[in-house]
């Protein structure tokens, strides 16, 4: 039995190797990218020289320059905040909180929000800051 060998170039391009490379690149970029949750609330955070990466949590409380409090993207009052946080904790089993307060907000309001969070069982409160170069 004699096998035929051909030295002619193929007229059809094989896309299988190209699709493999594209899939590997897609998986690489998905794994290495950061998934940061943005609330959409404009807050000018205070600066910190030793800023570190925040842990991933879905429970984010923001206080803007007008002293308005947001749980995620939802505007809440200080009186309703503990109930909304308790419902969020019950639904998502989240025990960490990221507190993003504008640099012009009084410390009194920040302490009240932190006290409300501790009252509903938040174990860890992370205060959001921006990287600042001195």
C-alpha atoms as a PDB file:
ATOM      1  CA  UNK A   1       0.000   0.000   0.000  1.00  0.00           C
ATOM      2  CA  UNK A   2       1.506   3.281  -1.080  1.00  0.00           C
ATOM      3  CA  UNK A   3       0.672   6.562   0.685  1.00  0.00           C
ATOM      4  CA  UNK A   4       0.481   9.746  -1.264  1.00  0.00           C
ATOM      5  CA  UNK A   5       2.588  12.653  -0.159  1.00  0.00           C
ATOM      6  CA  UNK A   6       1.950  16.123  -1.404  1.00  0.00           C
ATOM      7  CA  UNK A   7       4.262  19.112  -1.215  1.00  0.00           C
ATOM      8  CA  UNK A   8       1.625  21.521  -2.456  1.00  0.00           C
ATOM      9  CA  UNK A   9       0.480  24.253  -0.045  1.00  0.00           C
ATOM     10  CA  UNK A  10      -3.018  23.947   1.387  1.00  0.00           C
ATOM     11  CA  UNK A  11      -5.579  26.272  -0.083  1.00  0.00           C
ATOM     12  CA  UNK A  12      -7.695  26.283   3.121  1.00  0.00           C
ATOM     13  CA  UNK A  13      -6.583  28.148   6.263  1.00  0.00           C
ATOM     14  CA  UNK A  14      -7.151  26.331   9.552  1.00  0.00           C
ATOM     15  CA  UNK A  15      -8.638  28.571  12.246  1.00  0.00           C
ATOM     16  CA  UNK A  16      -8.391  26.019  15.053  1.00  0.00           C
ATOM     17  CA  UNK A  17      -5.002  27.183  16.338  1.00  0.00           C
ATOM     18  CA  UNK A  18      -6.048  30.829  16.118  1.00  0.00           C
ATOM     19  CA  UNK A  19      -9.193  30.214  18.163  1.00  0.00           C
ATOM     20  CA  UNK A  20      -7.149  28.348  20.784  1.00  0.00           C
ATOM     21  CA  UNK A  21      -4.847  31.337  21.188  1.00  0.00           C
ATOM     22  CA  UNK A  22      -7.753  33.770  21.427  1.00  0.00           C
ATOM     23  CA  UNK A  23      -9.454  31.627  24.068  1.00  0.00           C
ATOM     24  CA  UNK A  24      -6.259  31.404  26.129  1.00  0.00           C
ATOM     25  CA  UNK A  25      -5.817  35.190  25.965  1.00  0.00           C
ATOM     26  CA  UNK A  26      -9.433  35.733  26.969  1.00  0.00           C
ATOM     27  CA  UNK A  27      -9.100  33.414  29.968  1.00  0.00           C
ATOM     28  CA  UNK A  28      -5.802  35.086  30.956  1.00  0.00           C
ATOM     29  CA  UNK A  29      -7.308  38.584  30.915  1.00  0.00           C
ATOM     30  CA  UNK A  30     -10.425  37.504  32.803  1.00  0.00           C
ATOM     31  CA  UNK A  31      -8.384  35.896  35.557  1.00  0.00           C
ATOM     32  CA  UNK A  32      -5.864  38.720  35.932  1.00  0.00           C
ATOM     33  CA  UNK A  33      -8.310  41.629  35.791  1.00  0.00           C
ATOM     34  CA  UNK A  34      -9.648  43.158  38.964  1.00  0.00           C
ATOM     35  CA  UNK A  35     -13.331  43.125  39.612  1.00  0.00           C
ATOM     36  CA  UNK A  36     -13.956  46.352  41.518  1.00  0.00           C
ATOM     37  CA  UNK A  37     -17.442  47.207  42.661  1.00  0.00           C
ATOM     38  CA  UNK A  38     -18.236  50.859  42.009  1.00  0.00           C
ATOM     39  CA  UNK A  39     -21.297  52.349  43.648  1.00  0.00           C
ATOM     40  CA  UNK A  40     -21.654  55.329  41.319  1.00  0.00           C
ATOM     41  CA  UNK A  41     -21.672  57.814  44.207  1.00  0.00           C
ATOM     42  CA  UNK A  42     -19.176  60.642  43.709  1.00  0.00           C
ATOM     43  CA  UNK A  43     -17.017  60.804  46.822  1.00  0.00           C
ATOM     44  CA  UNK A  44     -13.687  62.607  47.164  1.00  0.00           C
ATOM     45  CA  UNK A  45     -11.856  60.267  49.523  1.00  0.00           C
ATOM     46  CA  UNK A  46      -9.192  61.456  51.955  1.00  0.00           C
ATOM     47  CA  UNK A  47      -5.586  60.802  50.986  1.00  0.00           C
ATOM     48  CA  UNK A  48      -3.300  58.224  52.540  1.00  0.00           C
ATOM     49  CA  UNK A  49       0.379  57.629  51.875  1.00  0.00           C
ATOM     50  CA  UNK A  50       0.209  53.949  52.888  1.00  0.00           C
ATOM     51  CA  UNK A  51      -2.904  53.016  50.946  1.00  0.00           C
ATOM     52  CA  UNK A  52      -3.505  49.280  50.470  1.00  0.00           C
ATOM     53  CA  UNK A  53      -5.830  47.253  48.275  1.00  0.00           C
ATOM     54  CA  UNK A  54      -9.359  46.940  49.637  1.00  0.00           C
ATOM     55  CA  UNK A  55     -10.833  43.547  50.280  1.00  0.00           C
ATOM     56  CA  UNK A  56     -13.698  42.493  48.082  1.00  0.00           C
ATOM     57  CA  UNK A  57     -17.050  43.067  49.687  1.00  0.00           C
ATOM     58  CA  UNK A  58     -20.445  44.003  48.361  1.00  0.00           C
ATOM     59  CA  UNK A  59     -21.465  46.034  51.417  1.00  0.00           C
ATOM     60  CA  UNK A  60     -20.369  49.605  50.666  1.00  0.00           C
ATOM     61  CA  UNK A  61     -21.646  52.666  52.522  1.00  0.00           C
ATOM     62  CA  UNK A  62     -20.811  56.045  50.973  1.00  0.00           C
ATOM     63  CA  UNK A  63     -21.274  59.499  52.468  1.00  0.00           C
ATOM     64  CA  UNK A  64     -21.066  62.347  49.954  1.00  0.00           C
ATOM     65  CA  UNK A  65     -20.183  66.000  50.507  1.00  0.00           C
ATOM     66  CA  UNK A  66     -23.842  66.861  51.198  1.00  0.00           C
ATOM     67  CA  UNK A  67     -23.903  64.359  54.131  1.00  0.00           C
ATOM     68  CA  UNK A  68     -26.195  62.033  52.183  1.00  0.00           C
ATOM     69  CA  UNK A  69     -25.723  58.338  53.022  1.00  0.00           C
ATOM     70  CA  UNK A  70     -25.831  55.634  50.350  1.00  0.00           C
ATOM     71  CA  UNK A  71     -25.923  51.881  50.859  1.00  0.00           C
ATOM     72  CA  UNK A  72     -24.542  50.710  47.534  1.00  0.00           C
ATOM     73  CA  UNK A  73     -26.342  53.033  45.108  1.00  0.00           C
ATOM     74  CA  UNK A  74     -29.478  53.395  47.264  1.00  0.00           C
ATOM     75  CA  UNK A  75     -29.904  56.616  49.229  1.00  0.00           C
ATOM     76  CA  UNK A  76     -30.851  55.967  52.873  1.00  0.00           C
ATOM     77  CA  UNK A  77     -31.230  58.001  56.048  1.00  0.00           C
ATOM     78  CA  UNK A  78     -29.222  57.414  59.206  1.00  0.00           C
ATOM     79  CA  UNK A  79     -32.349  56.050  60.930  1.00  0.00           C
ATOM     80  CA  UNK A  80     -33.053  53.480  58.180  1.00  0.00           C
ATOM     81  CA  UNK A  81     -29.400  52.475  57.691  1.00  0.00           C
ATOM     82  CA  UNK A  82     -29.219  49.763  60.411  1.00  0.00           C
ATOM     83  CA  UNK A  83     -32.331  48.007  59.090  1.00  0.00           C
ATOM     84  CA  UNK A  84     -31.107  48.107  55.486  1.00  0.00           C
ATOM     85  CA  UNK A  85     -27.662  46.824  56.505  1.00  0.00           C
ATOM     86  CA  UNK A  86     -29.207  44.020  58.575  1.00  0.00           C
ATOM     87  CA  UNK A  87     -31.326  42.966  55.590  1.00  0.00           C
ATOM     88  CA  UNK A  88     -28.266  43.063  53.336  1.00  0.00           C
ATOM     89  CA  UNK A  89     -26.239  40.977  55.808  1.00  0.00           C
ATOM     90  CA  UNK A  90     -29.039  38.428  56.080  1.00  0.00           C
ATOM     91  CA  UNK A  91     -29.359  38.146  52.308  1.00  0.00           C
ATOM     92  CA  UNK A  92     -25.644  38.092  51.342  1.00  0.00           C
ATOM     93  CA  UNK A  93     -23.967  36.769  54.520  1.00  0.00           C
ATOM     94  CA  UNK A  94     -21.536  39.720  54.408  1.00  0.00           C
ATOM     95  CA  UNK A  95     -19.720  40.671  57.642  1.00  0.00           C
ATOM     96  CA  UNK A  96     -17.367  43.325  56.204  1.00  0.00           C
ATOM     97  CA  UNK A  97     -18.129  46.942  55.362  1.00  0.00           C
ATOM     98  CA  UNK A  98     -16.281  49.462  53.208  1.00  0.00           C
ATOM     99  CA  UNK A  99     -17.016  53.006  54.387  1.00  0.00           C
ATOM    100  CA  UNK A 100     -16.292  55.693  51.800  1.00  0.00           C
ATOM    101  CA  UNK A 101     -16.769  59.152  53.291  1.00  0.00           C
ATOM    102  CA  UNK A 102     -16.005  62.396  51.503  1.00  0.00           C
ATOM    103  CA  UNK A 103     -13.082  64.283  53.038  1.00  0.00           C
ATOM    104  CA  UNK A 104     -15.391  67.200  53.949  1.00  0.00           C
ATOM    105  CA  UNK A 105     -17.820  65.056  55.988  1.00  0.00           C
ATOM    106  CA  UNK A 106     -17.772  65.600  59.743  1.00  0.00           C
ATOM    107  CA  UNK A 107     -16.272  62.848  61.864  1.00  0.00           C
ATOM    108  CA  UNK A 108     -19.476  62.790  63.918  1.00  0.00           C
ATOM    109  CA  UNK A 109     -21.513  61.389  61.008  1.00  0.00           C
ATOM    110  CA  UNK A 110     -18.790  58.835  60.179  1.00  0.00           C
ATOM    111  CA  UNK A 111     -18.786  57.606  63.799  1.00  0.00           C
ATOM    112  CA  UNK A 112     -22.595  57.328  63.769  1.00  0.00           C
ATOM    113  CA  UNK A 113     -22.476  55.197  60.615  1.00  0.00           C
ATOM    114  CA  UNK A 114     -19.734  53.027  62.127  1.00  0.00           C
ATOM    115  CA  UNK A 115     -21.789  52.636  65.311  1.00  0.00           C
ATOM    116  CA  UNK A 116     -24.837  51.589  63.271  1.00  0.00           C
ATOM    117  CA  UNK A 117     -22.707  49.017  61.444  1.00  0.00           C
ATOM    118  CA  UNK A 118     -21.325  47.563  64.687  1.00  0.00           C
ATOM    119  CA  UNK A 119     -24.866  47.432  66.041  1.00  0.00           C
ATOM    120  CA  UNK A 120     -26.037  45.085  63.272  1.00  0.00           C
ATOM    121  CA  UNK A 121     -23.070  42.732  63.582  1.00  0.00           C
ATOM    122  CA  UNK A 122     -20.468  44.045  61.141  1.00  0.00           C
ATOM    123  CA  UNK A 123     -17.138  42.518  62.159  1.00  0.00           C
ATOM    124  CA  UNK A 124     -14.724  44.585  60.055  1.00  0.00           C
ATOM    125  CA  UNK A 125     -15.031  48.192  58.841  1.00  0.00           C
ATOM    126  CA  UNK A 126     -12.630  49.368  56.153  1.00  0.00           C
ATOM    127  CA  UNK A 127     -12.323  53.119  55.590  1.00  0.00           C
ATOM    128  CA  UNK A 128     -11.771  53.919  51.921  1.00  0.00           C
ATOM    129  CA  UNK A 129      -8.901  56.242  51.012  1.00  0.00           C
ATOM    130  CA  UNK A 130      -7.079  57.353  47.880  1.00  0.00           C
ATOM    131  CA  UNK A 131      -3.376  56.972  47.232  1.00  0.00           C
ATOM    132  CA  UNK A 132      -1.658  60.253  47.890  1.00  0.00           C
ATOM    133  CA  UNK A 133       1.924  61.179  47.110  1.00  0.00           C
ATOM    134  CA  UNK A 134       3.574  63.571  49.522  1.00  0.00           C
END
